[in-house]
Protein backbone atom coordinates (compact mmCIF):
# COMPACT_ATOMS: atom_id res chain seq x y z
CA MET A 1 -22.16 -13.71 -18.90
CA ASP A 2 -22.11 -10.87 -16.37
CA ARG A 3 -18.94 -8.93 -16.20
CA THR A 4 -16.98 -8.80 -12.90
CA VAL A 5 -17.55 -5.34 -11.39
CA VAL A 6 -14.50 -3.86 -9.87
CA LEU A 7 -14.24 -0.54 -7.94
CA ILE A 8 -10.75 0.85 -7.33
CA THR A 9 -9.89 3.87 -5.13
CA GLY A 10 -6.84 6.11 -5.85
CA CYS A 11 -6.74 5.90 -9.56
CA SER A 12 -5.21 9.26 -10.49
CA SER A 13 -1.67 7.66 -10.79
CA GLY A 14 0.40 4.77 -9.69
CA ILE A 15 -0.95 1.27 -8.93
CA GLY A 16 -4.57 2.35 -9.06
CA LEU A 17 -4.25 3.82 -12.57
CA HIS A 18 -2.31 0.88 -13.90
CA LEU A 19 -4.69 -1.65 -12.31
CA ALA A 20 -7.73 0.03 -13.79
CA LEU A 21 -6.20 0.10 -17.23
CA ARG A 22 -5.05 -3.55 -17.00
CA LEU A 23 -8.53 -4.85 -16.12
CA ALA A 24 -10.48 -2.62 -18.50
CA SER A 25 -8.24 -3.62 -21.36
CA ASP A 26 -8.20 -7.41 -20.47
CA PRO A 27 -8.66 -9.47 -23.62
CA SER A 28 -11.43 -11.44 -22.03
CA GLN A 29 -13.53 -8.19 -21.69
CA SER A 30 -14.86 -9.76 -18.44
CA PHE A 31 -14.37 -6.74 -16.25
CA LYS A 32 -16.26 -3.59 -15.72
CA VAL A 33 -14.08 -1.15 -13.84
CA TYR A 34 -15.11 1.89 -11.81
CA ALA A 35 -11.96 3.94 -11.32
CA THR A 36 -12.42 6.46 -8.61
CA LEU A 37 -10.49 9.64 -7.88
CA ARG A 38 -10.64 12.22 -5.15
CA ASP A 39 -10.67 14.93 -7.76
CA LEU A 40 -12.01 14.22 -11.26
CA ALA A 41 -9.82 17.13 -12.53
CA SER A 42 -6.95 14.64 -12.34
CA GLN A 43 -8.55 11.94 -14.54
CA GLY A 44 -6.86 13.08 -17.74
CA PRO A 45 -3.86 10.78 -17.67
CA LEU A 46 -6.14 7.75 -16.95
CA LEU A 47 -8.57 8.47 -19.79
CA GLU A 48 -5.81 9.30 -22.21
CA ALA A 49 -4.04 5.98 -21.34
CA ALA A 50 -7.39 4.11 -21.66
CA GLN A 51 -7.81 5.41 -25.16
CA ALA A 52 -4.26 4.64 -26.11
CA ARG A 53 -4.69 1.09 -24.93
CA GLY A 54 -7.95 0.60 -26.70
CA CYS A 55 -10.16 -0.16 -23.79
CA PRO A 56 -13.52 -1.27 -25.09
CA PRO A 57 -16.45 1.08 -24.69
CA GLY A 58 -18.18 0.63 -21.39
CA SER A 59 -15.25 -1.15 -19.74
CA LEU A 60 -14.03 1.82 -17.72
CA GLU A 61 -15.94 4.59 -15.86
CA THR A 62 -14.50 7.25 -13.61
CA LEU A 63 -16.19 8.32 -10.44
CA GLN A 64 -15.43 10.96 -7.86
CA LEU A 65 -14.78 9.32 -4.52
CA ASP A 66 -12.99 10.72 -1.42
CA VAL A 67 -12.34 8.05 1.15
CA ARG A 68 -12.26 10.77 3.79
CA ASP A 69 -16.00 11.57 3.17
CA ALA A 70 -18.79 8.95 3.79
CA ASP A 71 -21.21 10.99 1.73
CA SER A 72 -18.72 10.94 -1.20
CA ILE A 73 -18.43 7.14 -0.88
CA ALA A 74 -22.23 6.67 -0.79
CA ALA A 75 -22.73 8.85 -3.87
CA ALA A 76 -20.14 6.79 -5.82
CA GLN A 77 -21.69 3.61 -4.62
CA ALA A 78 -25.07 4.73 -5.93
CA ARG A 79 -23.65 5.38 -9.45
CA VAL A 80 -22.61 1.76 -9.85
CA THR A 81 -25.31 0.84 -12.27
CA GLU A 82 -24.90 -2.86 -11.84
CA GLY A 83 -26.05 -2.52 -8.23
CA ARG A 84 -23.16 -4.51 -6.85
CA VAL A 85 -19.40 -4.57 -6.60
CA ASP A 86 -17.73 -7.93 -6.98
CA VAL A 87 -14.16 -6.77 -6.29
CA LEU A 88 -13.40 -3.80 -4.08
CA VAL A 89 -9.77 -2.61 -4.37
CA CYS A 90 -8.77 -0.27 -1.43
CA ASN A 91 -5.78 1.44 -2.90
CA ALA A 92 -5.99 5.06 -1.94
CA GLY A 93 -3.09 5.95 0.34
CA ARG A 94 -0.79 8.77 1.50
CA GLY A 95 2.80 8.75 2.67
CA LEU A 96 4.40 10.79 5.48
CA VAL A 97 8.12 10.82 5.69
CA GLY A 98 10.38 12.68 8.11
CA PRO A 99 11.16 13.10 11.79
CA LEU A 100 8.06 12.66 13.98
CA GLU A 101 8.61 16.09 15.48
CA ALA A 102 8.83 17.68 12.09
CA HIS A 103 5.37 16.74 10.83
CA LYS A 104 3.16 19.60 10.11
CA GLU A 105 -0.04 20.23 11.90
CA GLY A 106 -2.82 18.01 10.60
CA SER A 107 -0.46 15.72 8.53
CA VAL A 108 -0.67 12.89 11.00
CA ASP A 109 -4.45 13.01 11.10
CA ALA A 110 -4.64 13.25 7.33
CA VAL A 111 -2.56 10.11 6.72
CA LEU A 112 -4.42 8.07 9.29
CA ASP A 113 -7.70 9.28 7.92
CA VAL A 114 -6.96 8.21 4.36
CA ASN A 115 -4.86 5.07 4.88
CA LEU A 116 -6.73 3.59 7.85
CA THR A 117 -10.07 5.23 8.54
CA GLY A 118 -10.76 5.68 4.83
CA THR A 119 -10.34 2.00 4.23
CA VAL A 120 -12.74 1.29 7.15
CA ARG A 121 -15.30 3.67 5.57
CA MET A 122 -15.00 1.79 2.25
CA LEU A 123 -15.50 -1.52 3.95
CA GLN A 124 -18.47 -0.37 5.91
CA ALA A 125 -20.05 0.84 2.72
CA PHE A 126 -19.47 -2.21 0.49
CA LEU A 127 -18.95 -5.22 2.77
CA PRO A 128 -22.61 -5.61 3.93
CA ASP A 129 -23.76 -6.26 0.35
CA MET A 130 -21.01 -8.73 -0.25
CA LYS A 131 -22.01 -10.64 2.93
CA ARG A 132 -25.67 -10.62 1.90
CA ARG A 133 -24.73 -12.04 -1.53
CA ARG A 134 -22.11 -14.37 0.09
CA SER A 135 -19.67 -13.40 -2.65
CA GLY A 136 -16.97 -10.82 -3.02
CA ARG A 137 -13.23 -10.04 -3.01
CA ILE A 138 -11.50 -7.17 -1.19
CA LEU A 139 -7.96 -6.34 -2.25
CA VAL A 140 -6.01 -3.87 -0.12
CA THR A 141 -2.78 -2.21 -1.16
CA GLY A 142 -0.40 -3.06 1.70
CA SER A 143 3.24 -2.21 2.14
CA ILE A 144 6.44 -3.55 3.57
CA GLY A 145 5.88 -0.65 6.02
CA GLY A 146 2.98 -2.73 7.34
CA LEU A 147 5.15 -5.74 8.14
CA MET A 148 8.13 -4.13 9.58
CA ALA A 149 8.88 -0.65 10.74
CA LEU A 150 10.99 1.78 8.74
CA PRO A 151 12.83 4.77 10.13
CA PHE A 152 11.30 8.18 9.38
CA ASN A 153 7.97 6.49 8.50
CA ALA A 154 6.58 6.07 11.96
CA VAL A 155 3.01 7.38 11.22
CA TYR A 156 2.76 5.77 7.80
CA CYS A 157 3.92 2.42 9.27
CA ALA A 158 1.40 2.88 11.99
CA SER A 159 -1.36 3.21 9.46
CA LYS A 160 -0.15 0.18 7.55
CA PHE A 161 0.45 -1.99 10.55
CA ALA A 162 -3.21 -1.14 11.49
CA LEU A 163 -4.41 -2.21 8.04
CA GLU A 164 -2.75 -5.59 8.49
CA GLY A 165 -4.68 -6.13 11.76
CA LEU A 166 -7.83 -4.92 10.18
CA CYS A 167 -7.62 -7.20 7.21
CA GLU A 168 -6.49 -10.28 9.20
CA SER A 169 -9.39 -9.86 11.54
CA LEU A 170 -11.87 -9.63 8.66
CA ALA A 171 -10.35 -12.63 6.93
CA ILE A 172 -11.00 -14.77 9.90
CA LEU A 173 -14.60 -13.50 10.24
CA LEU A 174 -15.59 -13.59 6.58
CA GLN A 175 -14.82 -17.29 5.77
CA PRO A 176 -18.54 -18.39 6.22
CA PHE A 177 -19.68 -15.56 4.00
CA GLY A 178 -17.73 -16.40 0.86
CA VAL A 179 -15.94 -13.06 0.99
CA HIS A 180 -12.16 -13.08 0.68
CA VAL A 181 -9.73 -10.40 1.82
CA SER A 182 -6.18 -10.18 0.45
CA VAL A 183 -3.48 -7.67 1.21
CA ILE A 184 -0.97 -7.06 -1.68
CA GLU A 185 2.31 -6.36 0.14
CA CYS A 186 4.25 -3.92 -2.09
CA GLY A 187 7.96 -3.03 -1.83
CA PRO A 188 9.37 0.03 -3.55
CA VAL A 189 7.36 0.80 -6.74
CA HIS A 190 8.19 3.40 -9.44
CA THR A 191 5.09 5.66 -8.88
CA PRO A 192 4.64 9.34 -7.89
CA PHE A 193 3.76 8.16 -4.35
CA PRO A 194 6.94 9.53 -2.69
CA GLU A 195 6.53 12.92 -4.30
CA LYS A 196 2.97 13.14 -2.88
CA ALA A 197 4.05 12.62 0.72
CA GLU A 198 1.69 14.56 3.06
CA GLY A 199 3.18 17.84 4.26
CA GLY A 200 6.06 17.65 1.86
CA LEU A 201 9.27 15.57 2.17
CA GLY A 202 10.58 15.78 5.70
CA GLY A 203 8.03 18.23 6.97
CA VAL A 204 9.39 21.15 9.02
CA LEU A 205 12.90 19.96 9.52
CA ASP A 206 14.12 22.76 11.59
CA ARG A 207 11.99 21.39 14.47
CA ALA A 208 14.36 18.35 14.67
CA ASP A 209 17.83 18.38 16.12
CA ALA A 210 20.91 18.47 13.88
CA GLU A 211 21.80 14.76 14.47
CA THR A 212 18.26 13.65 13.51
CA ARG A 213 18.42 15.84 10.39
CA ASP A 214 21.72 14.29 9.46
CA LEU A 215 20.27 10.80 9.79
CA PHE A 216 17.23 11.81 7.69
CA TYR A 217 19.43 12.94 4.82
CA ARG A 218 21.40 9.75 5.01
CA TYR A 219 18.11 7.87 4.91
CA LEU A 220 17.01 9.75 1.85
CA ARG A 221 20.17 8.76 0.07
CA HIS A 222 19.57 5.20 1.06
CA CYS A 223 16.06 5.26 -0.31
CA GLU A 224 17.13 6.68 -3.62
CA ARG A 225 19.60 3.79 -3.92
CA VAL A 226 16.93 1.26 -3.04
CA ILE A 227 14.39 2.52 -5.48
CA ARG A 228 17.13 2.69 -8.15
CA GLU A 229 18.22 -0.93 -7.44
CA ALA A 230 14.98 -2.62 -6.37
CA GLY A 231 12.03 -0.43 -7.44
CA GLN A 232 9.36 -2.37 -9.36
CA ASP A 233 7.35 -1.33 -12.39
CA PRO A 234 3.69 -0.82 -11.62
CA GLU A 235 2.75 -3.25 -14.30
CA GLU A 236 4.66 -5.96 -12.49
CA VAL A 237 2.81 -5.22 -9.22
CA VAL A 238 -0.51 -5.22 -11.03
CA GLU A 239 -0.08 -8.77 -11.97
CA VAL A 240 0.09 -9.76 -8.39
CA PHE A 241 -3.32 -8.06 -7.89
CA LEU A 242 -4.65 -10.18 -10.74
CA GLN A 243 -3.22 -13.27 -9.17
CA ALA A 244 -5.18 -12.61 -6.04
CA LEU A 245 -8.27 -11.59 -7.96
CA ARG A 246 -8.30 -14.88 -9.94
CA ALA A 247 -7.24 -17.39 -7.28
CA PRO A 248 -9.93 -19.89 -6.54
CA ARG A 249 -9.06 -19.68 -2.86
CA PRO A 250 -7.31 -16.34 -2.30
CA ALA A 251 -4.57 -16.11 0.33
CA LEU A 252 -4.55 -13.38 2.90
CA ARG A 253 -1.15 -12.01 1.76
CA TYR A 254 0.52 -11.77 -1.63
CA PHE A 255 4.06 -10.31 -2.01
CA THR A 256 5.06 -8.34 -5.03
CA THR A 257 8.69 -9.04 -4.25
CA GLU A 258 10.49 -11.57 -1.98
CA ARG A 259 13.50 -9.30 -1.44
CA PHE A 260 12.35 -8.16 1.96
CA LEU A 261 11.22 -11.56 3.33
CA PRO A 262 14.53 -12.31 5.27
CA LEU A 263 14.06 -9.16 7.27
CA VAL A 264 10.42 -9.98 7.85
CA GLN A 265 11.47 -13.33 9.01
CA LEU A 266 14.16 -11.88 11.29
CA ARG A 267 11.61 -9.59 12.91
CA PHE A 268 9.62 -12.67 14.00
CA SER A 269 12.46 -15.10 14.80
CA ASP A 270 13.60 -12.90 17.62
CA PRO A 271 10.52 -11.96 19.69
CA SER A 272 12.57 -9.29 21.59
CA GLY A 273 12.88 -7.27 18.47
CA SER A 274 16.56 -6.52 19.04
CA SER A 275 17.75 -8.41 15.95
CA TYR A 276 15.48 -6.52 13.57
CA VAL A 277 16.09 -3.17 15.06
CA ALA A 278 19.83 -3.66 14.73
CA ALA A 279 19.67 -4.93 11.22
CA ALA A 280 17.25 -2.23 10.05
CA HIS A 281 19.41 0.49 11.55
CA GLN A 282 22.51 -0.87 9.90
CA SER A 283 20.60 -1.12 6.62
CA ALA A 284 19.23 2.31 6.71
CA PHE A 285 22.18 4.32 7.93
CA HIS A 286 25.12 1.97 7.28
CA ASP A 287 26.27 2.26 10.84
CA LYS A 288 27.76 -0.41 13.04
CA ALA A 289 24.98 -2.29 14.91
CA ALA A 290 24.38 -1.52 18.56
CA GLU A 291 27.09 -2.49 21.09
CA GLY A 292 26.64 -4.62 24.18
CA SER A 293 25.33 -8.17 24.67
CA ASP A 294 22.04 -7.61 23.06
CA GLY A 295 23.48 -5.59 20.27
CA ALA A 296 26.18 -8.17 19.61
CA GLY A 297 23.57 -10.92 19.20
CA ALA A 298 21.58 -8.67 16.92
CA GLU A 299 24.66 -7.80 14.80
CA ALA A 300 25.32 -11.53 14.45
CA GLU A 301 21.74 -12.15 13.17
CA ALA A 302 22.05 -9.17 10.81
CA GLY A 303 25.32 -10.72 9.57
CA LYS A 304 23.45 -13.73 8.30
CA LEU A 305 21.57 -11.60 5.69
CA GLY A 306 23.17 -10.65 2.44
CA ALA A 307 23.81 -7.02 1.59
CA SER A 308 21.10 -6.84 -0.96
CA GLU A 309 18.52 -8.33 1.49
CA LEU A 310 19.51 -5.76 4.08
CA ARG A 311 19.21 -2.82 1.66
CA ALA A 312 16.16 -3.58 -0.38
CA PRO A 313 13.27 -3.36 2.00
CA LEU A 314 13.83 0.00 3.77
CA ALA A 315 11.90 2.30 1.53
CA PRO A 316 8.10 2.15 1.54
CA GLN A 317 5.75 1.86 -1.40
């Protein structure tokens, strides 16, 4: 029986690396994994881990692929010897954390280019063949930051919100083609992702006013606590990818944790947005919710959520 051909972007570390290893070492030996990296010089940890886990020969191959470069994508696609990709995992991503006015020149474009436009390039390359074959699965690494906005993550959230719209639109269209799109909604995960934030953590902070800088440092302390209390192991997250990959009728969204669902529901239960804004502010900065009639209602809504439910979501994958 032919093996399922899986191509994964962003495999130098984190979720991409762990997913590639999990599939390549699967006892069924039913997967051929193409683990792609922007720079093959960083493939050492992946190959060492593959050897340590006893991945069978031929189960894992690394390819150079930069989602920012259409020629790089085409070259990697040409090296898939099976001539098809059954499962495409769009996992490559970048973070951008800090006050909006503190982001370095080019950082905003870089994050949008990788997180959003890079995903579009991958889909433009691999989707047509899936449609022709009327078979295929696309898994996209999503984030809580694509379901609800997080402070000091404005551009990152913009990119992830856009991915939600992209994937939902395609899911509606692709039903007759037998191609399924699933977004794996990740909460905080113990990976090097935060350390790889574009432009460095916070950017050029002296561009921001003193009050904003103080709020940013308070937010960082909040994030450290959230990751310590609620951060998931990558292996736990990978199992959710496998659930989506193996489901007979895959859903559009899979959640790696349910801890942030109360805030997601709060965001949609009050169409004005006031309740979510107040609850998120209280959660991130531990301040009293906004005053006034609207703020009072929002504070009441926030009060319906438990402390752990308020804290857990507000740090992106």
